[in-house]
Amino acid sequence: MVQRLPDTSLTFALASGGREHFGWGVDRHMTADIFDALNQNTRATGNWGKKPPKFPEWPRPKVKKKAAPKGKSKRRVSVADIYKQFSARR
């Protein structure tokens, strides 16, 4: 049943890294990548004179990197971890 959830669901977001990924499906990631690619293309091919302008990037969710203990590899997110994050009060 979990496999059929949409990629914009809260469960999928928690499995991807946290609540900040909520609502970020494949379509939104592709839109952000296309936006950034168009800005880079415009910057690279424009006739700007001295210095090309700096275009802002599309705002993306920030990924919080946790320090892994020494000697241990990165583990996958378990269902229990997702349940803890989902049931946390905010």
Protein backbone atom coordinates (compact mmCIF):
# COMPACT_ATOMS: atom_id res chain seq x y z
CA MET A 1 0.00 0.00 0.00
CA VAL A 2 2.88 2.37 0.70
CA GLN A 3 4.27 1.85 -2.79
CA ARG A 4 1.15 3.39 -4.32
CA LEU A 5 1.34 6.66 -2.39
CA PRO A 6 1.93 9.77 -4.49
CA ASP A 7 5.41 11.25 -4.45
CA THR A 8 4.02 14.43 -2.86
CA SER A 9 2.69 12.63 0.24
CA LEU A 10 4.00 13.21 3.76
CA THR A 11 5.10 9.58 4.10
CA PHE A 12 7.19 9.84 0.94
CA ALA A 13 8.63 13.16 2.17
CA LEU A 14 9.65 11.66 5.53
CA ALA A 15 11.32 8.76 3.73
CA SER A 16 13.18 11.25 1.52
CA GLY A 17 14.67 13.19 4.38
CA GLY A 18 12.13 15.21 6.33
CA ARG A 19 9.05 17.39 6.35
CA GLU A 20 10.73 20.03 4.19
CA HIS A 21 10.34 17.63 1.22
CA PHE A 22 6.54 17.59 1.61
CA GLY A 23 4.92 18.54 -1.70
CA TRP A 24 8.13 18.11 -3.69
CA GLY A 25 7.31 15.48 -6.28
CA VAL A 26 9.10 14.61 -9.49
CA ASP A 27 7.25 17.35 -11.38
CA ARG A 28 8.37 20.06 -8.97
CA HIS A 29 11.99 18.89 -9.02
CA MET A 30 11.94 18.90 -12.82
CA THR A 31 10.44 22.40 -12.90
CA ALA A 32 13.19 23.68 -10.60
CA ASP A 33 15.90 22.02 -12.73
CA ILE A 34 14.46 23.47 -15.95
CA PHE A 35 14.26 26.93 -14.36
CA ASP A 36 17.92 26.75 -13.31
CA ALA A 37 19.01 25.39 -16.71
CA LEU A 38 17.25 28.23 -18.54
CA ASN A 39 18.89 30.78 -16.28
CA GLN A 40 22.34 29.26 -16.86
CA ASN A 41 21.75 29.17 -20.61
CA THR A 42 20.65 32.82 -20.60
CA ARG A 43 23.69 33.79 -18.56
CA ALA A 44 26.08 31.86 -20.81
CA THR A 45 24.74 33.06 -24.17
CA GLY A 46 23.79 36.66 -23.40
CA ASN A 47 25.70 39.71 -24.56
CA TRP A 48 26.31 41.29 -21.16
CA GLY A 49 29.33 43.51 -21.75
CA LYS A 50 31.61 43.35 -18.72
CA LYS A 51 29.99 40.88 -16.30
CA PRO A 52 26.88 38.69 -16.63
CA PRO A 53 24.20 39.11 -13.96
CA LYS A 54 23.71 36.50 -11.26
CA PHE A 55 20.29 34.85 -11.58
CA PRO A 56 18.70 33.40 -8.42
CA GLU A 57 18.20 29.65 -8.21
CA TRP A 58 14.82 28.06 -7.58
CA PRO A 59 14.43 27.56 -3.81
CA ARG A 60 14.69 23.88 -2.90
CA PRO A 61 14.20 22.06 0.40
CA LYS A 62 17.31 21.95 2.54
CA VAL A 63 18.63 18.54 3.48
CA LYS A 64 19.84 18.27 7.04
CA LYS A 65 22.99 16.19 7.17
CA LYS A 66 23.45 14.24 10.37
CA ALA A 67 26.92 13.31 11.51
CA ALA A 68 27.27 9.54 11.24
CA PRO A 69 29.08 7.80 14.08
CA LYS A 70 32.58 6.66 13.22
CA GLY A 71 32.85 3.20 11.76
CA LYS A 72 29.16 2.90 10.95
CA SER A 73 27.71 3.15 7.50
CA LYS A 74 24.63 5.11 6.59
CA ARG A 75 21.49 3.12 7.30
CA ARG A 76 18.20 3.21 5.46
CA VAL A 77 15.13 4.88 6.88
CA SER A 78 12.93 2.31 8.58
CA VAL A 79 9.17 2.33 8.94
CA ALA A 80 9.59 2.91 12.69
CA ASP A 81 11.66 6.05 11.97
CA ILE A 82 9.01 7.36 9.59
CA TYR A 83 6.30 6.68 12.19
CA LYS A 84 8.27 8.59 14.84
CA GLN A 85 8.62 11.60 12.55
CA PHE A 86 5.00 11.39 11.43
CA SER A 87 3.62 11.21 14.96
CA ALA A 88 5.86 13.97 16.33
CA ARG A 89 3.90 17.01 17.47
CA ARG A 90 4.77 20.28 15.77
